[in-house]
Amino acid sequence: MEEFFEQQGFVCRIAYNGSDGLREALSGGYDVVLLDVMMPVFDGFEVLRRLRAESDVPVIMLTARTESSSRILGLETGADDYLPKPFEPLELVARIRAVLRRARPTAVPNAPLEISGVRIEPASRRLYLRGEPVDVTTIEYDILETLMRSAGRVVSRDELMQRLYQRDASPFDRSIDVHISHLRKKLEGTRELIRTIRGVGYQFAVDEVQEAS
């Protein structure tokens, strides 16, 4: 699973017992925790109880138990989602992304954001590259903002299509690809900022993220 997640653009840390997992999760810096129920030292439910006393990091529980009582216990203890084993890895990735979308703050959507020399100003919908203004279309701006707000994470074509067009991407619909190509040309002169993750989607490369004023 670690190898699979890395292929999907995630960076993972693994703990092999509940005590180590709890300590790692409480160290901060994580976007989501995948928590197995059956672990030595502390089981997943105990880890979740202790974690929730100090942290609101999103948690998805994984377990071979299929009884509804176990599922309910996990959710009532504070899990954000629950997936019984065995599971389809891509389904887990979809659930992770859904949890991350729900967890992402939306209170200040107009705050300027700068990453790797690219600055967006949502209030005016303007784009700057190393301080110089860059003209983009409405859809190009929307794609770029979506990728920048998910910087470092792979955003699938389906996710972009749903967010921008409210429909899934069809095998013959290349509209997103064309807009991405236009954005790359407008951002050329810098390193590859928008990466294609073959068969998955796109990722905005991260050097430095700043909430600008």
N, C-alpha and C. Protein backbone atom coordinates (compact mmCIF):
# COMPACT_ATOMS: atom_id res chain seq x y z
N MET A 1 0.83 -1.20 0.00
CA MET A 1 0.00 0.00 0.00
C MET A 1 0.87 1.26 0.00
N GLU A 2 2.00 1.22 0.69
CA GLU A 2 2.88 2.40 0.69
C GLU A 2 3.33 2.71 -0.73
N GLU A 3 3.73 1.69 -1.47
CA GLU A 3 4.17 1.89 -2.85
C GLU A 3 3.02 2.42 -3.71
N PHE A 4 1.82 1.87 -3.50
CA PHE A 4 0.66 2.32 -4.26
C PHE A 4 0.36 3.79 -3.98
N PHE A 5 0.39 4.18 -2.70
CA PHE A 5 0.10 5.57 -2.35
C PHE A 5 1.13 6.52 -2.96
N GLU A 6 2.38 6.11 -2.95
CA GLU A 6 3.41 6.96 -3.54
C GLU A 6 3.18 7.15 -5.03
N GLN A 7 2.68 6.11 -5.69
CA GLN A 7 2.35 6.22 -7.11
C GLN A 7 1.19 7.19 -7.33
N GLN A 8 0.34 7.35 -6.31
CA GLN A 8 -0.79 8.27 -6.41
C GLN A 8 -0.42 9.69 -5.99
N GLY A 9 0.84 9.91 -5.62
CA GLY A 9 1.29 11.24 -5.27
C GLY A 9 1.29 11.55 -3.80
N PHE A 10 1.02 10.56 -2.94
CA PHE A 10 1.03 10.78 -1.50
C PHE A 10 2.39 10.46 -0.91
N VAL A 11 2.71 11.09 0.21
CA VAL A 11 3.89 10.76 1.00
C VAL A 11 3.42 10.11 2.29
N CYS A 12 3.95 8.94 2.61
CA CYS A 12 3.43 8.15 3.74
C CYS A 12 4.50 7.89 4.79
N ARG A 13 4.04 7.75 6.02
CA ARG A 13 4.83 7.21 7.11
C ARG A 13 4.05 6.03 7.68
N ILE A 14 4.76 4.97 8.09
CA ILE A 14 4.10 3.76 8.57
C ILE A 14 4.53 3.47 9.99
N ALA A 15 3.56 3.10 10.83
CA ALA A 15 3.84 2.64 12.19
C ALA A 15 3.24 1.25 12.32
N TYR A 16 3.91 0.38 13.07
CA TYR A 16 3.52 -1.03 13.11
C TYR A 16 2.83 -1.44 14.41
N ASN A 17 2.60 -0.48 15.30
CA ASN A 17 1.79 -0.77 16.49
C ASN A 17 1.08 0.50 16.91
N GLY A 18 0.08 0.34 17.77
CA GLY A 18 -0.75 1.48 18.13
C GLY A 18 0.00 2.57 18.87
N SER A 19 0.94 2.19 19.71
CA SER A 19 1.69 3.19 20.48
C SER A 19 2.52 4.07 19.57
N ASP A 20 3.27 3.45 18.66
CA ASP A 20 4.09 4.23 17.72
C ASP A 20 3.21 5.06 16.79
N GLY A 21 2.09 4.46 16.36
CA GLY A 21 1.18 5.19 15.47
C GLY A 21 0.60 6.42 16.12
N LEU A 22 0.19 6.29 17.39
CA LEU A 22 -0.37 7.44 18.11
C LEU A 22 0.67 8.54 18.25
N ARG A 23 1.88 8.17 18.64
CA ARG A 23 2.94 9.16 18.81
C ARG A 23 3.23 9.87 17.49
N GLU A 24 3.27 9.12 16.39
CA GLU A 24 3.54 9.72 15.08
C GLU A 24 2.41 10.65 14.66
N ALA A 25 1.17 10.21 14.86
CA ALA A 25 0.01 11.02 14.46
C ALA A 25 -0.04 12.33 15.24
N LEU A 26 0.35 12.28 16.51
CA LEU A 26 0.30 13.48 17.35
C LEU A 26 1.48 14.41 17.09
N SER A 27 2.45 13.95 16.32
CA SER A 27 3.62 14.80 16.04
C SER A 27 3.26 15.94 15.09
N GLY A 28 2.12 15.83 14.43
CA GLY A 28 1.66 16.89 13.54
C GLY A 28 2.20 16.74 12.13
N GLY A 29 1.67 17.58 11.23
CA GLY A 29 2.16 17.59 9.87
C GLY A 29 1.50 16.60 8.94
N TYR A 30 0.45 15.90 9.41
CA TYR A 30 -0.21 14.91 8.57
C TYR A 30 -1.58 15.41 8.13
N ASP A 31 -1.94 15.08 6.90
CA ASP A 31 -3.23 15.49 6.35
C ASP A 31 -4.33 14.49 6.67
N VAL A 32 -3.97 13.21 6.80
CA VAL A 32 -4.96 12.17 7.08
C VAL A 32 -4.24 10.98 7.71
N VAL A 33 -4.96 10.26 8.56
CA VAL A 33 -4.43 9.07 9.20
C VAL A 33 -5.26 7.87 8.76
N LEU A 34 -4.60 6.82 8.26
CA LEU A 34 -5.24 5.55 7.98
C LEU A 34 -4.98 4.65 9.17
N LEU A 35 -6.04 4.18 9.81
CA LEU A 35 -5.89 3.51 11.10
C LEU A 35 -6.48 2.11 11.05
N ASP A 36 -5.63 1.10 11.17
CA ASP A 36 -6.08 -0.28 11.22
C ASP A 36 -6.62 -0.58 12.62
N VAL A 37 -7.65 -1.39 12.70
CA VAL A 37 -8.21 -1.74 14.01
C VAL A 37 -7.33 -2.73 14.74
N MET A 38 -6.88 -3.77 14.05
CA MET A 38 -6.13 -4.85 14.69
C MET A 38 -4.65 -4.52 14.70
N MET A 39 -4.18 -3.96 15.83
CA MET A 39 -2.78 -3.62 15.99
C MET A 39 -2.32 -4.04 17.39
N PRO A 40 -1.03 -4.34 17.55
CA PRO A 40 -0.52 -4.64 18.89
C PRO A 40 -0.40 -3.38 19.74
N VAL A 41 -0.25 -3.55 21.03
CA VAL A 41 -0.11 -2.51 22.06
C VAL A 41 -1.44 -1.80 22.28
N PHE A 42 -1.83 -0.92 21.36
CA PHE A 42 -3.18 -0.32 21.38
C PHE A 42 -3.89 -0.74 20.11
N ASP A 43 -5.18 -1.12 20.22
CA ASP A 43 -5.92 -1.36 18.98
C ASP A 43 -6.35 -0.03 18.38
N GLY A 44 -6.93 -0.09 17.20
CA GLY A 44 -7.28 1.13 16.49
C GLY A 44 -8.27 2.00 17.23
N PHE A 45 -9.23 1.39 17.91
CA PHE A 45 -10.23 2.18 18.64
C PHE A 45 -9.58 2.97 19.78
N GLU A 46 -8.64 2.33 20.49
CA GLU A 46 -7.95 3.03 21.58
C GLU A 46 -7.07 4.14 21.04
N VAL A 47 -6.37 3.88 19.93
CA VAL A 47 -5.58 4.93 19.30
C VAL A 47 -6.46 6.11 18.92
N LEU A 48 -7.62 5.81 18.35
CA LEU A 48 -8.52 6.88 17.91
C LEU A 48 -9.03 7.69 19.10
N ARG A 49 -9.38 7.00 20.20
CA ARG A 49 -9.85 7.72 21.38
C ARG A 49 -8.79 8.68 21.89
N ARG A 50 -7.54 8.20 21.99
CA ARG A 50 -6.47 9.04 22.50
C ARG A 50 -6.10 10.15 21.51
N LEU A 51 -6.16 9.83 20.23
CA LEU A 51 -5.85 10.83 19.21
C LEU A 51 -6.87 11.96 19.22
N ARG A 52 -8.15 11.59 19.33
CA ARG A 52 -9.21 12.60 19.29
C ARG A 52 -9.19 13.52 20.51
N ALA A 53 -8.57 13.09 21.59
CA ALA A 53 -8.46 13.94 22.77
C ALA A 53 -7.53 15.12 22.52
N GLU A 54 -6.66 15.00 21.50
CA GLU A 54 -5.66 16.04 21.26
C GLU A 54 -5.60 16.55 19.84
N SER A 55 -6.27 15.89 18.89
CA SER A 55 -6.10 16.26 17.49
C SER A 55 -7.39 16.04 16.71
N ASP A 56 -7.61 16.88 15.71
CA ASP A 56 -8.77 16.71 14.83
C ASP A 56 -8.34 16.28 13.43
N VAL A 57 -7.13 15.71 13.29
CA VAL A 57 -6.66 15.24 11.99
C VAL A 57 -7.67 14.22 11.43
N PRO A 58 -8.01 14.28 10.14
CA PRO A 58 -8.95 13.31 9.57
C PRO A 58 -8.44 11.88 9.71
N VAL A 59 -9.35 10.96 10.03
CA VAL A 59 -8.99 9.55 10.23
C VAL A 59 -9.92 8.67 9.42
N ILE A 60 -9.33 7.74 8.67
CA ILE A 60 -10.09 6.68 7.99
C ILE A 60 -9.69 5.36 8.63
N MET A 61 -10.65 4.60 9.11
CA MET A 61 -10.37 3.34 9.76
C MET A 61 -10.45 2.19 8.77
N LEU A 62 -9.51 1.24 8.92
CA LEU A 62 -9.46 0.05 8.08
C LEU A 62 -9.58 -1.16 8.99
N THR A 63 -10.46 -2.09 8.65
CA THR A 63 -10.62 -3.26 9.50
C THR A 63 -11.21 -4.41 8.73
N ALA A 64 -10.90 -5.63 9.17
CA ALA A 64 -11.50 -6.82 8.58
C ALA A 64 -12.87 -7.09 9.19
N ARG A 65 -13.19 -6.40 10.27
CA ARG A 65 -14.49 -6.59 10.90
C ARG A 65 -15.58 -5.94 10.06
N THR A 66 -16.60 -6.68 9.78
CA THR A 66 -17.68 -6.14 8.94
C THR A 66 -18.95 -5.88 9.74
N GLU A 67 -18.94 -6.19 11.04
CA GLU A 67 -20.14 -5.97 11.84
C GLU A 67 -20.45 -4.47 11.91
N SER A 68 -21.74 -4.14 11.81
CA SER A 68 -22.13 -2.74 11.85
C SER A 68 -21.75 -2.09 13.18
N SER A 69 -21.69 -2.89 14.27
CA SER A 69 -21.34 -2.32 15.57
C SER A 69 -19.93 -1.77 15.56
N SER A 70 -18.99 -2.46 14.90
CA SER A 70 -17.61 -1.98 14.82
C SER A 70 -17.54 -0.69 14.00
N ARG A 71 -18.30 -0.66 12.91
CA ARG A 71 -18.32 0.53 12.07
C ARG A 71 -18.86 1.72 12.84
N ILE A 72 -19.97 1.48 13.55
CA ILE A 72 -20.58 2.57 14.32
C ILE A 72 -19.64 3.04 15.42
N LEU A 73 -18.96 2.10 16.10
CA LEU A 73 -18.03 2.47 17.15
C LEU A 73 -16.92 3.36 16.61
N GLY A 74 -16.37 3.00 15.45
CA GLY A 74 -15.32 3.81 14.87
C GLY A 74 -15.79 5.21 14.55
N LEU A 75 -16.97 5.32 13.95
CA LEU A 75 -17.50 6.63 13.59
C LEU A 75 -17.84 7.45 14.82
N GLU A 76 -18.42 6.81 15.82
CA GLU A 76 -18.78 7.54 17.03
C GLU A 76 -17.55 7.95 17.83
N THR A 77 -16.46 7.21 17.69
CA THR A 77 -15.23 7.57 18.39
C THR A 77 -14.52 8.73 17.71
N GLY A 78 -14.91 9.01 16.48
CA GLY A 78 -14.35 10.18 15.81
C GLY A 78 -13.74 9.93 14.46
N ALA A 79 -13.90 8.72 13.88
CA ALA A 79 -13.38 8.48 12.54
C ALA A 79 -14.16 9.27 11.51
N ASP A 80 -13.47 9.72 10.48
CA ASP A 80 -14.14 10.46 9.40
C ASP A 80 -14.74 9.53 8.37
N ASP A 81 -14.18 8.34 8.23
CA ASP A 81 -14.71 7.36 7.29
C ASP A 81 -14.23 5.99 7.73
N TYR A 82 -14.75 4.96 7.08
CA TYR A 82 -14.53 3.59 7.53
C TYR A 82 -14.57 2.68 6.32
N LEU A 83 -13.57 1.82 6.16
CA LEU A 83 -13.52 0.93 5.00
C LEU A 83 -13.12 -0.47 5.44
N PRO A 84 -13.98 -1.48 5.23
CA PRO A 84 -13.63 -2.86 5.63
C PRO A 84 -12.65 -3.49 4.65
N LYS A 85 -11.79 -4.35 5.18
CA LYS A 85 -10.87 -5.12 4.34
C LYS A 85 -11.53 -6.45 3.96
N PRO A 86 -11.19 -7.00 2.78
CA PRO A 86 -10.31 -6.40 1.77
C PRO A 86 -11.02 -5.28 1.02
N PHE A 87 -10.24 -4.33 0.52
CA PHE A 87 -10.82 -3.19 -0.19
C PHE A 87 -10.08 -2.96 -1.49
N GLU A 88 -10.70 -2.23 -2.38
CA GLU A 88 -10.09 -1.83 -3.63
C GLU A 88 -9.23 -0.59 -3.36
N PRO A 89 -7.92 -0.64 -3.62
CA PRO A 89 -7.05 0.50 -3.30
C PRO A 89 -7.53 1.82 -3.87
N LEU A 90 -8.06 1.82 -5.07
CA LEU A 90 -8.52 3.08 -5.66
C LEU A 90 -9.74 3.63 -4.91
N GLU A 91 -10.54 2.74 -4.33
CA GLU A 91 -11.66 3.22 -3.52
C GLU A 91 -11.14 3.93 -2.28
N LEU A 92 -10.09 3.38 -1.68
CA LEU A 92 -9.50 4.04 -0.51
C LEU A 92 -8.95 5.40 -0.89
N VAL A 93 -8.28 5.49 -2.02
CA VAL A 93 -7.76 6.78 -2.47
C VAL A 93 -8.89 7.77 -2.67
N ALA A 94 -10.01 7.33 -3.25
CA ALA A 94 -11.15 8.21 -3.45
C ALA A 94 -11.69 8.70 -2.11
N ARG A 95 -11.73 7.82 -1.13
CA ARG A 95 -12.22 8.22 0.20
C ARG A 95 -11.27 9.20 0.88
N ILE A 96 -9.97 8.96 0.71
CA ILE A 96 -8.99 9.89 1.26
C ILE A 96 -9.20 11.28 0.68
N ARG A 97 -9.37 11.34 -0.62
CA ARG A 97 -9.53 12.65 -1.28
C ARG A 97 -10.82 13.33 -0.86
N ALA A 98 -11.88 12.53 -0.67
CA ALA A 98 -13.14 13.11 -0.22
C ALA A 98 -13.00 13.67 1.19
N VAL A 99 -12.33 12.94 2.06
CA VAL A 99 -12.10 13.43 3.43
C VAL A 99 -11.26 14.70 3.41
N LEU A 100 -10.23 14.73 2.58
CA LEU A 100 -9.38 15.91 2.52
C LEU A 100 -10.15 17.12 2.00
N ARG A 101 -11.04 16.91 1.03
CA ARG A 101 -11.83 18.03 0.53
C ARG A 101 -12.72 18.59 1.64
N ARG A 102 -13.34 17.69 2.40
CA ARG A 102 -14.21 18.17 3.49
C ARG A 102 -13.42 18.88 4.57
N ALA A 103 -12.19 18.43 4.79
CA ALA A 103 -11.38 18.99 5.86
C ALA A 103 -10.71 20.30 5.48
N ARG A 104 -10.63 20.58 4.19
CA ARG A 104 -9.91 21.76 3.75
C ARG A 104 -10.65 23.03 4.15
N PRO A 105 -9.99 23.96 4.81
CA PRO A 105 -10.68 25.17 5.27
C PRO A 105 -11.18 26.02 4.11
N THR A 106 -12.37 26.61 4.30
CA THR A 106 -12.96 27.46 3.26
C THR A 106 -13.35 28.83 3.81
N ALA A 107 -12.94 29.11 5.03
CA ALA A 107 -13.38 30.35 5.69
C ALA A 107 -12.80 31.59 5.01
N VAL A 108 -11.59 31.47 4.41
CA VAL A 108 -10.97 32.64 3.79
C VAL A 108 -10.61 32.32 2.34
N PRO A 109 -11.63 32.12 1.48
CA PRO A 109 -11.35 31.72 0.10
C PRO A 109 -10.67 32.79 -0.72
N ASN A 110 -10.74 34.07 -0.26
CA ASN A 110 -10.17 35.15 -1.05
C ASN A 110 -8.74 35.48 -0.68
N ALA A 111 -8.15 34.74 0.26
CA ALA A 111 -6.76 35.02 0.65
C ALA A 111 -5.82 34.70 -0.50
N PRO A 112 -4.93 35.63 -0.88
CA PRO A 112 -3.94 35.34 -1.93
C PRO A 112 -3.08 34.15 -1.52
N LEU A 113 -2.60 33.44 -2.53
CA LEU A 113 -1.79 32.26 -2.29
C LEU A 113 -0.61 32.29 -3.25
N GLU A 114 0.59 32.01 -2.74
CA GLU A 114 1.78 32.00 -3.58
C GLU A 114 2.55 30.70 -3.37
N ILE A 115 2.85 30.03 -4.47
CA ILE A 115 3.59 28.78 -4.44
C ILE A 115 4.60 28.78 -5.58
N SER A 116 5.84 28.52 -5.26
CA SER A 116 6.89 28.36 -6.27
C SER A 116 6.94 29.52 -7.25
N GLY A 117 6.75 30.75 -6.76
CA GLY A 117 6.82 31.92 -7.62
C GLY A 117 5.54 32.26 -8.35
N VAL A 118 4.50 31.43 -8.18
CA VAL A 118 3.20 31.69 -8.81
C VAL A 118 2.24 32.19 -7.73
N ARG A 119 1.63 33.34 -7.97
CA ARG A 119 0.73 33.95 -7.00
C ARG A 119 -0.65 34.11 -7.63
N ILE A 120 -1.67 33.68 -6.91
CA ILE A 120 -3.05 33.92 -7.34
C ILE A 120 -3.73 34.81 -6.31
N GLU A 121 -4.61 35.68 -6.83
CA GLU A 121 -5.39 36.56 -5.97
C GLU A 121 -6.87 36.32 -6.27
N PRO A 122 -7.51 35.44 -5.51
CA PRO A 122 -8.88 35.04 -5.81
C PRO A 122 -9.88 36.20 -5.85
N ALA A 123 -9.67 37.23 -5.04
CA ALA A 123 -10.62 38.34 -5.03
C ALA A 123 -10.71 39.01 -6.40
N SER A 124 -9.57 39.13 -7.08
CA SER A 124 -9.54 39.76 -8.40
C SER A 124 -9.34 38.76 -9.52
N ARG A 125 -9.11 37.48 -9.15
CA ARG A 125 -8.86 36.41 -10.11
C ARG A 125 -7.69 36.76 -11.02
N ARG A 126 -6.63 37.25 -10.41
CA ARG A 126 -5.42 37.60 -11.15
C ARG A 126 -4.31 36.62 -10.83
N LEU A 127 -3.43 36.46 -11.83
CA LEU A 127 -2.29 35.55 -11.71
C LEU A 127 -1.01 36.33 -11.95
N TYR A 128 -0.01 36.06 -11.09
CA TYR A 128 1.30 36.68 -11.24
C TYR A 128 2.37 35.60 -11.24
N LEU A 129 3.34 35.74 -12.14
CA LEU A 129 4.48 34.83 -12.19
C LEU A 129 5.72 35.62 -11.85
N ARG A 130 6.30 35.33 -10.69
CA ARG A 130 7.46 36.06 -10.18
C ARG A 130 7.25 37.56 -10.25
N GLY A 131 6.05 37.97 -9.83
CA GLY A 131 5.73 39.39 -9.73
C GLY A 131 5.14 40.01 -10.98
N GLU A 132 5.17 39.31 -12.10
CA GLU A 132 4.66 39.85 -13.37
C GLU A 132 3.28 39.28 -13.66
N PRO A 133 2.32 40.12 -14.07
CA PRO A 133 0.97 39.62 -14.35
C PRO A 133 0.94 38.70 -15.56
N VAL A 134 0.09 37.70 -15.49
CA VAL A 134 -0.09 36.74 -16.58
C VAL A 134 -1.58 36.66 -16.90
N ASP A 135 -1.92 36.83 -18.17
CA ASP A 135 -3.32 36.75 -18.59
C ASP A 135 -3.74 35.29 -18.75
N VAL A 136 -4.86 34.93 -18.13
CA VAL A 136 -5.40 33.58 -18.26
C VAL A 136 -6.90 33.68 -18.45
N THR A 137 -7.48 32.66 -19.05
CA THR A 137 -8.92 32.60 -19.20
C THR A 137 -9.56 32.19 -17.88
N THR A 138 -10.88 32.29 -17.82
CA THR A 138 -11.59 31.93 -16.61
C THR A 138 -11.35 30.48 -16.23
N ILE A 139 -11.46 29.57 -17.19
CA ILE A 139 -11.30 28.15 -16.89
C ILE A 139 -9.85 27.84 -16.54
N GLU A 140 -8.90 28.51 -17.19
CA GLU A 140 -7.48 28.30 -16.85
C GLU A 140 -7.22 28.73 -15.41
N TYR A 141 -7.81 29.87 -15.03
CA TYR A 141 -7.61 30.32 -13.65
C TYR A 141 -8.22 29.32 -12.68
N ASP A 142 -9.42 28.84 -12.97
CA ASP A 142 -10.08 27.89 -12.08
C ASP A 142 -9.28 26.60 -11.93
N ILE A 143 -8.72 26.12 -13.03
CA ILE A 143 -7.90 24.91 -12.96
C ILE A 143 -6.66 25.17 -12.13
N LEU A 144 -6.00 26.29 -12.38
CA LEU A 144 -4.77 26.59 -11.64
C LEU A 144 -5.05 26.75 -10.15
N GLU A 145 -6.13 27.44 -9.82
CA GLU A 145 -6.45 27.62 -8.40
C GLU A 145 -6.73 26.27 -7.74
N THR A 146 -7.46 25.41 -8.43
CA THR A 146 -7.74 24.08 -7.90
C THR A 146 -6.46 23.30 -7.64
N LEU A 147 -5.54 23.34 -8.60
CA LEU A 147 -4.29 22.61 -8.45
C LEU A 147 -3.41 23.22 -7.34
N MET A 148 -3.38 24.54 -7.27
CA MET A 148 -2.55 25.19 -6.26
C MET A 148 -3.08 24.94 -4.86
N ARG A 149 -4.39 24.94 -4.71
CA ARG A 149 -4.95 24.69 -3.38
C ARG A 149 -4.80 23.22 -2.98
N SER A 150 -4.45 22.38 -3.94
CA SER A 150 -4.16 20.97 -3.65
C SER A 150 -2.68 20.68 -3.90
N ALA A 151 -1.83 21.70 -3.81
CA ALA A 151 -0.42 21.57 -4.17
C ALA A 151 0.24 20.40 -3.47
N GLY A 152 0.98 19.62 -4.26
CA GLY A 152 1.65 18.45 -3.73
C GLY A 152 0.81 17.19 -3.79
N ARG A 153 -0.49 17.34 -4.02
CA ARG A 153 -1.39 16.19 -4.12
C ARG A 153 -1.80 16.01 -5.57
N VAL A 154 -1.97 14.78 -5.98
CA VAL A 154 -2.43 14.51 -7.33
C VAL A 154 -3.94 14.76 -7.41
N VAL A 155 -4.33 15.58 -8.38
CA VAL A 155 -5.75 15.86 -8.63
C VAL A 155 -6.13 15.12 -9.90
N SER A 156 -7.08 14.22 -9.80
CA SER A 156 -7.46 13.42 -10.96
C SER A 156 -8.23 14.24 -11.98
N ARG A 157 -8.25 13.76 -13.21
CA ARG A 157 -9.04 14.43 -14.25
C ARG A 157 -10.52 14.42 -13.89
N ASP A 158 -10.99 13.30 -13.31
CA ASP A 158 -12.39 13.25 -12.89
C ASP A 158 -12.71 14.31 -11.85
N GLU A 159 -11.79 14.50 -10.90
CA GLU A 159 -12.02 15.50 -9.86
C GLU A 159 -12.07 16.90 -10.46
N LEU A 160 -11.16 17.17 -11.39
CA LEU A 160 -11.19 18.47 -12.06
C LEU A 160 -12.48 18.66 -12.85
N MET A 161 -12.89 17.62 -13.57
CA MET A 161 -14.12 17.71 -14.36
C MET A 161 -15.33 17.93 -13.46
N GLN A 162 -15.37 17.22 -12.34
CA GLN A 162 -16.50 17.37 -11.44
C GLN A 162 -16.53 18.77 -10.83
N ARG A 163 -15.37 19.26 -10.45
CA ARG A 163 -15.31 20.56 -9.80
C ARG A 163 -15.60 21.69 -10.79
N LEU A 164 -15.12 21.53 -12.01
CA LEU A 164 -15.24 22.61 -12.98
C LEU A 164 -16.44 22.48 -13.89
N TYR A 165 -16.82 21.21 -14.19
CA TYR A 165 -17.91 20.98 -15.13
C TYR A 165 -19.06 20.16 -14.55
N GLN A 166 -18.87 19.68 -13.33
CA GLN A 166 -19.88 18.84 -12.67
C GLN A 166 -20.23 17.60 -13.49
N ARG A 167 -19.21 17.00 -14.08
CA ARG A 167 -19.41 15.74 -14.77
C ARG A 167 -18.09 14.96 -14.77
N ASP A 168 -18.18 13.65 -14.97
CA ASP A 168 -16.98 12.83 -15.04
C ASP A 168 -16.28 13.03 -16.38
N ALA A 169 -15.00 12.78 -16.38
CA ALA A 169 -14.24 12.87 -17.62
C ALA A 169 -14.51 11.63 -18.47
N SER A 170 -14.79 11.85 -19.74
CA SER A 170 -14.97 10.73 -20.66
C SER A 170 -13.64 10.45 -21.34
N PRO A 171 -13.47 9.24 -21.90
CA PRO A 171 -12.19 8.91 -22.55
C PRO A 171 -11.84 9.84 -23.70
N PHE A 172 -12.87 10.48 -24.29
CA PHE A 172 -12.63 11.30 -25.47
C PHE A 172 -12.66 12.80 -25.17
N ASP A 173 -12.88 13.16 -23.93
CA ASP A 173 -12.94 14.58 -23.56
C ASP A 173 -11.55 15.04 -23.16
N ARG A 174 -10.93 15.85 -23.98
CA ARG A 174 -9.57 16.31 -23.72
C ARG A 174 -9.53 17.77 -23.30
N SER A 175 -10.67 18.33 -22.89
CA SER A 175 -10.71 19.76 -22.58
C SER A 175 -9.75 20.13 -21.46
N ILE A 176 -9.72 19.34 -20.39
CA ILE A 176 -8.82 19.63 -19.28
C ILE A 176 -7.36 19.61 -19.75
N ASP A 177 -7.04 18.62 -20.58
CA ASP A 177 -5.66 18.49 -21.06
C ASP A 177 -5.24 19.71 -21.88
N VAL A 178 -6.16 20.21 -22.68
CA VAL A 178 -5.85 21.37 -23.51
C VAL A 178 -5.60 22.59 -22.63
N HIS A 179 -6.45 22.82 -21.64
CA HIS A 179 -6.28 23.97 -20.76
C HIS A 179 -4.97 23.86 -19.97
N ILE A 180 -4.65 22.65 -19.53
CA ILE A 180 -3.38 22.43 -18.82
C ILE A 180 -2.21 22.78 -19.72
N SER A 181 -2.29 22.38 -20.98
CA SER A 181 -1.23 22.69 -21.94
C SER A 181 -1.05 24.20 -22.08
N HIS A 182 -2.18 24.94 -22.16
CA HIS A 182 -2.10 26.40 -22.27
C HIS A 182 -1.46 27.00 -21.02
N LEU A 183 -1.84 26.50 -19.86
CA LEU A 183 -1.27 27.01 -18.62
C LEU A 183 0.24 26.78 -18.57
N ARG A 184 0.66 25.61 -19.00
CA ARG A 184 2.10 25.32 -18.98
C ARG A 184 2.87 26.31 -19.85
N LYS A 185 2.32 26.63 -21.01
CA LYS A 185 3.01 27.57 -21.90
C LYS A 185 3.10 28.94 -21.24
N LYS A 186 2.06 29.34 -20.54
CA LYS A 186 2.06 30.65 -19.89
C LYS A 186 2.98 30.69 -18.68
N LEU A 187 3.27 29.52 -18.11
CA LEU A 187 4.16 29.45 -16.96
C LEU A 187 5.56 29.01 -17.34
N GLU A 188 5.84 28.89 -18.65
CA GLU A 188 7.16 28.41 -19.06
C GLU A 188 8.21 29.44 -18.69
N GLY A 189 9.43 28.96 -18.53
CA GLY A 189 10.49 29.79 -17.99
C GLY A 189 10.77 29.43 -16.55
N THR A 190 9.85 28.65 -15.97
CA THR A 190 10.08 28.10 -14.64
C THR A 190 10.22 26.60 -14.80
N ARG A 191 10.56 25.91 -13.70
CA ARG A 191 10.61 24.46 -13.79
C ARG A 191 9.20 23.93 -14.01
N GLU A 192 9.08 22.64 -14.26
CA GLU A 192 7.77 22.06 -14.52
C GLU A 192 6.90 22.15 -13.28
N LEU A 193 5.97 23.09 -13.29
CA LEU A 193 5.13 23.31 -12.11
C LEU A 193 3.90 22.42 -12.10
N ILE A 194 3.36 22.14 -13.29
CA ILE A 194 2.18 21.27 -13.37
C ILE A 194 2.63 19.94 -13.96
N ARG A 195 2.63 18.93 -13.14
CA ARG A 195 3.10 17.62 -13.55
C ARG A 195 1.94 16.73 -13.96
N THR A 196 2.16 15.95 -14.99
CA THR A 196 1.18 14.93 -15.38
C THR A 196 1.54 13.62 -14.70
N ILE A 197 0.60 13.08 -13.95
CA ILE A 197 0.77 11.76 -13.34
C ILE A 197 0.00 10.79 -14.23
N ARG A 198 0.73 10.07 -15.06
CA ARG A 198 0.13 9.28 -16.12
C ARG A 198 -0.95 8.34 -15.58
N GLY A 199 -2.12 8.41 -16.22
CA GLY A 199 -3.23 7.55 -15.86
C GLY A 199 -3.98 7.99 -14.62
N VAL A 200 -3.53 9.09 -13.99
CA VAL A 200 -4.18 9.54 -12.75
C VAL A 200 -4.69 10.96 -12.88
N GLY A 201 -3.79 11.91 -13.10
CA GLY A 201 -4.22 13.31 -13.17
C GLY A 201 -3.04 14.25 -13.17
N TYR A 202 -3.16 15.35 -12.41
CA TYR A 202 -2.16 16.40 -12.42
C TYR A 202 -1.78 16.79 -10.99
N GLN A 203 -0.57 17.33 -10.87
CA GLN A 203 -0.06 17.73 -9.57
C GLN A 203 0.71 19.04 -9.71
N PHE A 204 0.41 19.99 -8.82
CA PHE A 204 1.16 21.24 -8.80
C PHE A 204 2.36 21.04 -7.87
N ALA A 205 3.56 21.25 -8.41
CA ALA A 205 4.78 21.00 -7.64
C ALA A 205 4.95 22.06 -6.56
N VAL A 206 5.47 21.64 -5.42
CA VAL A 206 5.60 22.52 -4.27
C VAL A 206 7.06 22.81 -3.96
N ASP A 207 7.40 24.09 -3.92
CA ASP A 207 8.68 24.53 -3.36
C ASP A 207 8.40 25.25 -2.05
N GLU A 208 7.50 26.23 -2.14
CA GLU A 208 7.19 27.06 -0.98
C GLU A 208 5.76 27.53 -1.11
N VAL A 209 5.01 27.46 -0.02
CA VAL A 209 3.62 27.89 0.01
C VAL A 209 3.50 29.07 0.95
N GLN A 210 2.88 30.15 0.48
CA GLN A 210 2.72 31.32 1.32
C GLN A 210 1.29 31.82 1.24
N GLU A 211 0.69 32.09 2.41
CA GLU A 211 -0.54 32.85 2.45
C GLU A 211 -0.12 34.31 2.37
N ALA A 212 -0.36 34.93 1.23
CA ALA A 212 0.11 36.29 1.02
C ALA A 212 -0.93 37.29 1.48
N SER A 213 -0.46 38.50 1.77
CA SER A 213 -1.36 39.56 2.20
C SER A 213 -1.39 40.66 1.17
